[in-house]
Amino acid sequence: MSNFINPVVEKLGRRLRLGVVGGGATSFIGSVHRTAARLDDRFEVVASVMASTPERAREQGIQAGIAEDRAYGTLDEMLESEGQRNDGIDVVAIMTPNHRHYPECKAVLAKGLHIICDKPMTTSVADAIDLVKSVRDARIIFCFTHNYSGYPMVRQARAMVTTGKIGEIRQVNVEYSQGQLSSYVEPNAPERLKWRLDPKRGGPSAVLGDIGTHAHQLLTYITGMPLAKLAADVGPTVPERQNDDYAGMLLRMENGARGTLWCTQAASGSENILRIKVFGSLGGLEWEQCSPNHLKHMVQGEPARILSRGLPGLSDAAHRASRIPTGHPEGFQEGFANLYNDAAEAIAARITGTEADPLALDFPTVEDGARGMRFLEAALESSNSEGGWVDCTLNF
């Protein structure tokens, strides 16, 4: 990835102006989003609504370096005021609790602004489908921040599947485990966990909304095909817990390939382990987040190969997403930044009526968000029917 040419400034004559919603002082993900937006110098963060109450929102915006007159108290105030400025925002990044994503996206769409939204996109399939239609009607760019699809070797895996390097996909396996909820923390949980465990704010399943949708998106992103159906067991594993902290399921992909998905936030001692394996008629691929620079490529009857980020011979998509010299660790923050970088190029092209670099159009979209919600609801439906197979297809 070049650090010397700024395609956004080339097209627009300036950086994109970004307003952020959520992600205040106590938010981990807020600083990740703001840093990602600035890393490639495509955006300038100029406006904010950083908390749920007007006074705190203004205070935290100013603390984050937003000008006092653009550190707003509410989203409506920001949209109204920015719409009257000659230098108003072009894009809104949304990183609030899950239940607010849908109404906030709708409010932003009504102003014709582009959107970068954290996951999950909504808390129901009906809202997700409505959002797909609204985004298409408004003809705006919608980037959905499943950041693992921004890793260079994930993009390499996708490119290898697309070009037939491992043949026809036959088996898939993906797992995502954390240990932060391995004990009953609810009575004294910090707010960042409390709202996630509240179905009214976090959605109908904590584990599926928080990390299950990541596993699902990574699987469909690398294979390039939707999930057709699943059979799931979802629920709590910690005594006294009411919300889900575990999900295990059998999968059937669109082409008939079989697979499994396991995700949990109650695996004692697990730090943040995301792994995927994809096997085809000619070979297989393995990638895990704790070793993000490497992709294992296996061919039947031959020694396994370890492909390293940044070295010659990788796909253009992988090279575009690589930022620093080979051998240095590169990952979570850069994955987010790759999505912001891609979205910025797509937005600048849309504003100027020009063509975007095709490699910049490989970020998750509103359609991916809707498929994630269908996956979540199908898993709960299956689990509630004692693990019966449930169709996951979604037609827009």
Protein backbone atom coordinates (compact mmCIF):
# COMPACT_ATOMS: atom_id res chain seq x y z
CA MET A 1 0.00 0.00 0.00
CA SER A 2 1.47 3.34 -1.04
CA ASN A 3 1.85 5.99 1.62
CA PHE A 4 2.78 8.68 -0.90
CA ILE A 5 -0.27 8.97 -3.16
CA ASN A 6 -3.58 9.98 -1.63
CA PRO A 7 -6.29 9.06 -4.16
CA VAL A 8 -8.97 10.82 -2.11
CA VAL A 9 -7.15 14.15 -2.18
CA GLU A 10 -6.38 13.59 -5.88
CA LYS A 11 -10.08 13.18 -6.64
CA LEU A 12 -11.60 15.68 -4.20
CA GLY A 13 -8.79 18.14 -3.59
CA ARG A 14 -9.22 17.49 0.16
CA ARG A 15 -9.69 14.75 2.74
CA LEU A 16 -13.11 13.33 3.47
CA ARG A 17 -14.81 14.94 6.47
CA LEU A 18 -15.93 12.36 9.03
CA GLY A 19 -18.42 12.61 11.86
CA VAL A 20 -18.29 9.90 14.53
CA VAL A 21 -21.20 8.64 16.62
CA GLY A 22 -20.37 6.73 19.80
CA GLY A 23 -16.92 5.58 20.84
CA GLY A 24 -16.41 7.88 23.81
CA ALA A 25 -13.80 7.95 26.56
CA THR A 26 -14.50 4.45 27.95
CA SER A 27 -14.86 2.79 24.55
CA PHE A 28 -12.10 0.56 23.18
CA ILE A 29 -13.58 0.47 19.69
CA GLY A 30 -13.99 4.25 19.45
CA SER A 31 -10.27 4.96 19.46
CA VAL A 32 -9.75 2.06 17.03
CA HIS A 33 -12.17 3.62 14.53
CA ARG A 34 -10.76 7.13 14.88
CA THR A 35 -7.18 5.91 14.51
CA ALA A 36 -8.13 3.77 11.50
CA ALA A 37 -9.77 6.77 9.85
CA ARG A 38 -6.60 8.84 10.18
CA LEU A 39 -3.96 6.20 9.46
CA ASP A 40 -3.90 6.73 5.68
CA ASP A 41 -4.75 10.44 5.79
CA ARG A 42 -7.95 9.89 3.80
CA PHE A 43 -10.24 11.34 6.49
CA GLU A 44 -10.24 14.13 9.00
CA VAL A 45 -12.45 13.59 12.04
CA VAL A 46 -14.26 16.93 12.34
CA ALA A 47 -17.53 16.27 14.19
CA SER A 48 -18.77 13.96 16.93
CA VAL A 49 -21.54 12.69 19.18
CA MET A 50 -19.48 10.65 21.62
CA ALA A 51 -21.90 9.75 24.42
CA SER A 52 -25.56 9.01 25.06
CA THR A 53 -26.27 12.22 26.99
CA PRO A 54 -25.75 15.67 25.39
CA GLU A 55 -23.53 17.05 28.15
CA ARG A 56 -21.18 14.06 28.17
CA ALA A 57 -21.20 13.88 24.38
CA ARG A 58 -20.01 17.47 24.06
CA GLU A 59 -17.45 17.08 26.82
CA GLN A 60 -15.94 13.90 25.41
CA GLY A 61 -15.87 15.27 21.87
CA ILE A 62 -13.82 18.25 23.01
CA GLN A 63 -11.53 15.95 25.01
CA ALA A 64 -10.95 13.94 21.82
CA GLY A 65 -9.85 17.07 19.96
CA ILE A 66 -13.08 18.00 18.18
CA ALA A 67 -13.72 21.74 17.86
CA GLU A 68 -16.16 22.96 20.50
CA ASP A 69 -18.81 24.03 17.97
CA ARG A 70 -18.71 20.58 16.30
CA ALA A 71 -18.74 18.42 19.43
CA TYR A 72 -22.49 17.83 19.34
CA GLY A 73 -24.90 16.55 21.95
CA THR A 74 -27.13 14.43 19.70
CA LEU A 75 -27.06 12.87 16.26
CA ASP A 76 -29.97 15.02 15.08
CA GLU A 77 -28.09 18.13 16.14
CA MET A 78 -24.96 17.02 14.28
CA LEU A 79 -26.82 16.16 11.08
CA GLU A 80 -28.78 19.40 11.10
CA SER A 81 -25.82 21.66 11.87
CA GLU A 82 -23.37 19.92 9.54
CA GLY A 83 -25.93 20.06 6.72
CA GLN A 84 -25.87 23.86 6.92
CA ARG A 85 -22.09 24.19 6.68
CA ASN A 86 -20.09 24.62 3.49
CA ASP A 87 -17.51 22.30 5.04
CA GLY A 88 -20.02 19.79 6.45
CA ILE A 89 -19.34 16.10 6.93
CA ASP A 90 -19.33 13.62 4.03
CA VAL A 91 -19.38 10.41 6.08
CA VAL A 92 -20.67 9.20 9.44
CA ALA A 93 -19.02 6.37 11.39
CA ILE A 94 -21.41 4.61 13.80
CA MET A 95 -20.05 2.64 16.78
CA THR A 96 -22.85 2.89 19.33
CA PRO A 97 -24.56 -0.03 21.16
CA ASN A 98 -26.16 -2.48 18.76
CA HIS A 99 -29.80 -1.42 19.14
CA ARG A 100 -28.97 2.09 17.95
CA HIS A 101 -27.29 1.12 14.68
CA TYR A 102 -30.47 0.81 12.62
CA PRO A 103 -32.22 4.09 13.59
CA GLU A 104 -28.94 5.99 13.38
CA CYS A 105 -28.14 4.59 9.93
CA LYS A 106 -31.64 5.55 8.77
CA ALA A 107 -31.19 9.11 10.08
CA VAL A 108 -27.84 9.44 8.30
CA LEU A 109 -29.26 8.00 5.07
CA ALA A 110 -32.02 10.61 5.13
CA LYS A 111 -29.29 13.25 4.81
CA GLY A 112 -27.59 11.46 1.90
CA LEU A 113 -24.35 10.87 3.79
CA HIS A 114 -22.11 7.83 3.43
CA ILE A 115 -21.86 5.35 6.31
CA ILE A 116 -19.22 3.27 8.09
CA CYS A 117 -20.97 1.04 10.63
CA ASP A 118 -19.74 -1.31 13.32
CA LYS A 119 -21.25 -4.80 13.70
CA PRO A 120 -23.85 -6.17 14.08
CA MET A 121 -25.64 -3.94 11.59
CA THR A 122 -29.07 -4.28 13.22
CA THR A 123 -30.79 -6.43 15.83
CA SER A 124 -33.29 -8.05 13.42
CA VAL A 125 -33.41 -9.37 9.86
CA ALA A 126 -36.40 -7.17 9.03
CA ASP A 127 -34.46 -4.02 9.90
CA ALA A 128 -31.42 -5.31 8.01
CA ILE A 129 -33.41 -5.92 4.81
CA ASP A 130 -34.98 -2.47 5.10
CA LEU A 131 -31.51 -0.96 5.48
CA VAL A 132 -30.28 -2.76 2.35
CA LYS A 133 -33.16 -1.26 0.37
CA SER A 134 -32.60 2.21 1.85
CA VAL A 135 -28.86 2.15 1.06
CA ARG A 136 -29.52 1.05 -2.51
CA ASP A 137 -32.18 3.70 -3.01
CA ALA A 138 -29.92 6.42 -1.60
CA ARG A 139 -26.94 5.22 -3.71
CA ILE A 140 -24.51 5.81 -0.88
CA ILE A 141 -21.39 3.85 0.09
CA PHE A 142 -21.94 1.66 3.16
CA CYS A 143 -18.86 0.05 4.72
CA PHE A 144 -19.48 -2.56 7.39
CA THR A 145 -16.47 -3.00 9.67
CA HIS A 146 -15.85 -6.72 9.86
CA ASN A 147 -12.19 -5.82 10.22
CA TYR A 148 -10.78 -9.33 9.84
CA SER A 149 -11.54 -9.10 6.12
CA GLY A 150 -8.96 -6.29 6.05
CA TYR A 151 -6.04 -8.57 6.96
CA PRO A 152 -3.59 -9.09 4.06
CA MET A 153 -3.45 -12.89 4.36
CA VAL A 154 -7.23 -13.15 4.61
CA ARG A 155 -7.38 -11.32 1.29
CA GLN A 156 -4.71 -13.67 -0.01
CA ALA A 157 -6.84 -16.66 1.02
CA ARG A 158 -9.88 -15.16 -0.74
CA ALA A 159 -7.82 -14.56 -3.89
CA MET A 160 -6.52 -18.15 -3.86
CA VAL A 161 -10.03 -19.55 -3.52
CA THR A 162 -11.31 -17.26 -6.28
CA THR A 163 -8.53 -18.32 -8.70
CA GLY A 164 -9.07 -22.03 -8.00
CA LYS A 165 -5.80 -22.72 -6.16
CA ILE A 166 -7.49 -25.20 -3.80
CA GLY A 167 -10.17 -26.40 -6.22
CA GLU A 168 -13.84 -26.81 -5.41
CA ILE A 169 -14.62 -26.06 -1.76
CA ARG A 170 -15.64 -29.23 0.12
CA GLN A 171 -15.13 -28.61 3.86
CA VAL A 172 -14.94 -25.52 6.07
CA ASN A 173 -14.28 -24.91 9.75
CA VAL A 174 -14.23 -21.63 11.66
CA GLU A 175 -13.93 -20.92 15.39
CA TYR A 176 -13.80 -17.80 17.55
CA SER A 177 -13.22 -18.11 21.30
CA GLN A 178 -12.80 -15.60 24.12
CA GLY A 179 -12.66 -16.00 27.89
CA GLN A 180 -13.98 -12.66 29.16
CA LEU A 181 -17.33 -14.19 30.21
CA SER A 182 -16.03 -17.47 31.65
CA SER A 183 -17.40 -16.50 35.07
CA TYR A 184 -20.65 -14.87 36.15
CA VAL A 185 -19.72 -11.18 35.90
CA GLU A 186 -23.18 -9.72 35.29
CA PRO A 187 -23.86 -8.16 38.72
CA ASN A 188 -20.73 -5.99 38.56
CA ALA A 189 -20.06 -5.91 34.82
CA PRO A 190 -18.63 -2.70 33.33
CA GLU A 191 -20.93 -0.84 30.95
CA ARG A 192 -19.09 -2.14 27.87
CA LEU A 193 -20.20 -5.67 28.85
CA LYS A 194 -23.48 -4.76 30.51
CA TRP A 195 -25.16 -3.44 27.37
CA ARG A 196 -23.91 -6.39 25.32
CA LEU A 197 -25.55 -8.80 27.75
CA ASP A 198 -28.85 -6.88 27.68
CA PRO A 199 -31.04 -8.29 24.85
CA LYS A 200 -32.80 -4.92 24.47
CA ARG A 201 -29.51 -3.18 23.67
CA GLY A 202 -27.19 -5.94 22.49
CA GLY A 203 -29.68 -7.99 20.51
CA PRO A 204 -31.15 -11.48 20.91
CA SER A 205 -27.80 -13.30 21.29
CA ALA A 206 -24.70 -11.79 22.92
CA VAL A 207 -22.22 -14.34 21.58
CA LEU A 208 -23.59 -14.44 18.03
CA GLY A 209 -23.93 -10.68 17.74
CA ASP A 210 -20.50 -9.95 19.17
CA ILE A 211 -18.24 -12.63 17.66
CA GLY A 212 -20.42 -15.19 15.86
CA THR A 213 -21.16 -12.76 13.04
CA HIS A 214 -17.40 -12.18 12.67
CA ALA A 215 -16.81 -15.92 12.23
CA HIS A 216 -19.67 -16.18 9.74
CA GLN A 217 -18.47 -13.20 7.70
CA LEU A 218 -14.87 -14.44 7.60
CA LEU A 219 -16.06 -17.81 6.31
CA THR A 220 -18.28 -16.39 3.58
CA TYR A 221 -15.67 -13.74 2.65
CA ILE A 222 -12.86 -16.23 2.06
CA THR A 223 -14.99 -18.85 0.30
CA GLY A 224 -16.92 -16.26 -1.73
CA MET A 225 -20.17 -18.13 -1.21
CA PRO A 226 -23.17 -17.73 1.09
CA LEU A 227 -24.16 -20.09 3.87
CA ALA A 228 -27.15 -22.18 2.73
CA LYS A 229 -28.34 -23.76 5.99
CA LEU A 230 -27.26 -24.64 9.51
CA ALA A 231 -28.10 -26.74 12.55
CA ALA A 232 -27.19 -25.04 15.82
CA ASP A 233 -26.97 -25.33 19.59
CA VAL A 234 -26.88 -21.88 21.23
CA GLY A 235 -27.09 -20.95 24.90
CA PRO A 236 -25.35 -20.11 28.17
CA THR A 237 -22.73 -22.38 29.74
CA VAL A 238 -22.08 -20.40 32.94
CA PRO A 239 -24.53 -21.01 35.82
CA GLU A 240 -26.98 -18.13 36.45
CA ARG A 241 -26.29 -16.55 33.04
CA GLN A 242 -29.38 -15.73 31.01
CA ASN A 243 -27.87 -14.63 27.70
CA ASP A 244 -25.96 -16.85 25.27
CA ASP A 245 -22.21 -17.35 25.67
CA TYR A 246 -21.83 -20.42 23.40
CA ALA A 247 -22.80 -21.46 19.89
CA GLY A 248 -21.87 -24.61 18.01
CA MET A 249 -23.27 -25.55 14.64
CA LEU A 250 -23.09 -27.69 11.55
CA LEU A 251 -23.01 -25.78 8.26
CA ARG A 252 -23.92 -26.44 4.66
CA MET A 253 -22.54 -24.00 2.10
CA GLU A 254 -24.24 -22.92 -1.10
CA ASN A 255 -22.33 -25.48 -3.18
CA GLY A 256 -23.07 -28.32 -0.72
CA ALA A 257 -19.75 -28.12 1.15
CA ARG A 258 -20.04 -29.20 4.78
CA GLY A 259 -18.60 -27.40 7.77
CA THR A 260 -18.66 -26.41 11.41
CA LEU A 261 -18.69 -23.14 13.36
CA TRP A 262 -17.92 -22.77 17.08
CA CYS A 263 -17.88 -19.53 19.01
CA THR A 264 -17.87 -18.76 22.71
CA GLN A 265 -17.03 -15.96 25.11
CA ALA A 266 -16.84 -18.34 28.07
CA ALA A 267 -13.76 -20.41 27.18
CA SER A 268 -11.62 -20.03 30.32
CA GLY A 269 -8.15 -18.78 29.44
CA SER A 270 -8.87 -18.14 25.76
CA GLU A 271 -7.52 -14.72 24.84
CA ASN A 272 -9.11 -13.92 21.46
CA ILE A 273 -8.63 -16.86 19.15
CA LEU A 274 -10.04 -16.71 15.63
CA ARG A 275 -9.18 -19.57 13.26
CA ILE A 276 -10.43 -20.73 9.88
CA LYS A 277 -9.73 -23.79 7.71
CA VAL A 278 -10.99 -24.24 4.16
CA PHE A 279 -10.43 -27.46 2.20
CA GLY A 280 -11.07 -27.98 -1.50
CA SER A 281 -10.56 -30.71 -4.09
CA LEU A 282 -6.93 -29.65 -4.67
CA GLY A 283 -5.78 -28.49 -1.25
CA GLY A 284 -6.50 -26.44 1.84
CA LEU A 285 -5.85 -23.15 3.60
CA GLU A 286 -5.48 -22.31 7.29
CA TRP A 287 -5.29 -18.86 8.92
CA GLU A 288 -5.49 -17.67 12.50
CA GLN A 289 -5.53 -14.18 13.92
CA CYS A 290 -2.79 -14.82 16.51
CA SER A 291 -0.37 -15.42 13.59
CA PRO A 292 -1.85 -13.02 11.04
CA ASN A 293 1.21 -12.65 8.82
CA HIS A 294 1.08 -16.26 7.67
CA LEU A 295 -1.30 -18.39 5.60
CA LYS A 296 -0.82 -22.16 5.47
CA HIS A 297 -1.38 -23.66 2.00
CA MET A 298 -1.65 -27.45 1.81
CA VAL A 299 -1.62 -29.60 -1.33
CA GLN A 300 -2.31 -33.32 -1.16
CA GLY A 301 0.93 -35.33 -1.33
CA GLU A 302 3.20 -32.27 -1.00
CA PRO A 303 4.82 -30.48 1.95
CA ALA A 304 2.70 -27.65 3.34
CA ARG A 305 3.74 -24.13 2.36
CA ILE A 306 3.66 -21.13 4.69
CA LEU A 307 2.93 -17.94 2.75
CA SER A 308 4.23 -14.78 4.43
CA ARG A 309 2.69 -11.34 4.25
CA GLY A 310 4.55 -8.81 2.11
CA LEU A 311 6.71 -11.24 0.10
CA PRO A 312 6.67 -11.54 -3.71
CA GLY A 313 4.22 -13.96 -5.27
CA LEU A 314 1.12 -12.95 -3.32
CA SER A 315 -2.02 -11.50 -4.86
CA ASP A 316 -2.51 -7.80 -5.60
CA ALA A 317 -5.26 -7.78 -2.97
CA ALA A 318 -2.83 -9.02 -0.29
CA HIS A 319 -0.13 -6.53 -1.30
CA ARG A 320 -2.61 -3.65 -1.25
CA ALA A 321 -3.52 -4.50 2.35
CA SER A 322 0.12 -4.81 3.51
CA ARG A 323 1.50 -1.71 5.19
CA ILE A 324 4.86 -2.37 6.84
CA PRO A 325 8.00 -4.36 5.96
CA THR A 326 7.87 -8.14 5.97
CA GLY A 327 8.34 -9.82 9.35
CA HIS A 328 6.86 -7.06 11.47
CA PRO A 329 3.52 -7.84 13.16
CA GLU A 330 0.54 -6.33 11.42
CA GLY A 331 -3.08 -6.91 12.30
CA PHE A 332 -6.14 -5.66 14.17
CA GLN A 333 -5.70 -1.89 13.90
CA GLU A 334 -4.39 -2.10 10.35
CA GLY A 335 -7.31 -4.34 9.35
CA PHE A 336 -9.71 -1.60 10.41
CA ALA A 337 -7.62 0.99 8.60
CA ASN A 338 -7.70 -1.06 5.40
CA LEU A 339 -11.51 -0.95 5.45
CA TYR A 340 -11.49 2.81 6.06
CA ASN A 341 -8.96 3.24 3.26
CA ASP A 342 -11.05 1.18 0.83
CA ALA A 343 -14.26 2.94 1.80
CA ALA A 344 -12.61 6.34 1.36
CA GLU A 345 -11.61 5.56 -2.22
CA ALA A 346 -15.10 4.26 -3.02
CA ILE A 347 -16.74 7.34 -1.46
CA ALA A 348 -14.45 9.78 -3.26
CA ALA A 349 -15.19 8.03 -6.56
CA ARG A 350 -18.94 8.16 -5.88
CA ILE A 351 -18.81 11.89 -5.02
CA THR A 352 -16.80 12.77 -8.14
CA GLY A 353 -18.56 10.36 -10.50
CA THR A 354 -15.32 8.56 -11.32
CA GLU A 355 -14.20 4.94 -11.22
CA ALA A 356 -12.74 3.52 -8.02
CA ASP A 357 -9.77 1.17 -7.98
CA PRO A 358 -11.39 -2.31 -8.20
CA LEU A 359 -9.15 -3.48 -5.34
CA ALA A 360 -10.78 -0.82 -3.15
CA LEU A 361 -14.22 -2.39 -3.51
CA ASP A 362 -13.60 -5.57 -1.53
CA PHE A 363 -14.86 -4.34 1.85
CA PRO A 364 -17.96 -5.73 3.63
CA THR A 365 -21.19 -3.97 2.69
CA VAL A 366 -24.77 -3.54 3.86
CA GLU A 367 -25.64 -6.85 2.18
CA ASP A 368 -23.02 -8.62 4.32
CA GLY A 369 -24.61 -7.06 7.39
CA ALA A 370 -28.01 -8.42 6.41
CA ARG A 371 -26.63 -11.91 5.78
CA GLY A 372 -25.02 -11.81 9.21
CA MET A 373 -28.37 -11.07 10.82
CA ARG A 374 -30.01 -13.90 8.90
CA PHE A 375 -27.24 -16.21 10.14
CA LEU A 376 -27.86 -15.08 13.73
CA GLU A 377 -31.62 -15.52 13.60
CA ALA A 378 -31.34 -18.88 11.80
CA ALA A 379 -28.97 -20.16 14.49
CA LEU A 380 -31.41 -19.18 17.25
CA GLU A 381 -34.33 -20.69 15.34
CA SER A 382 -32.42 -23.95 14.91
CA SER A 383 -31.33 -24.08 18.55
CA ASN A 384 -34.89 -23.44 19.74
CA SER A 385 -36.07 -26.39 17.63
CA GLU A 386 -33.53 -28.81 19.18
CA GLY A 387 -30.92 -28.33 16.47
CA GLY A 388 -33.02 -28.80 13.34
CA TRP A 389 -31.70 -27.60 9.98
CA VAL A 390 -32.73 -24.03 9.09
CA ASP A 391 -32.39 -22.26 5.75
CA CYS A 392 -30.04 -19.24 5.83
CA THR A 393 -30.51 -17.86 2.33
CA LEU A 394 -31.53 -14.26 1.98
CA ASN A 395 -32.78 -12.66 -1.22
CA PHE A 396 -32.79 -8.89 -1.59
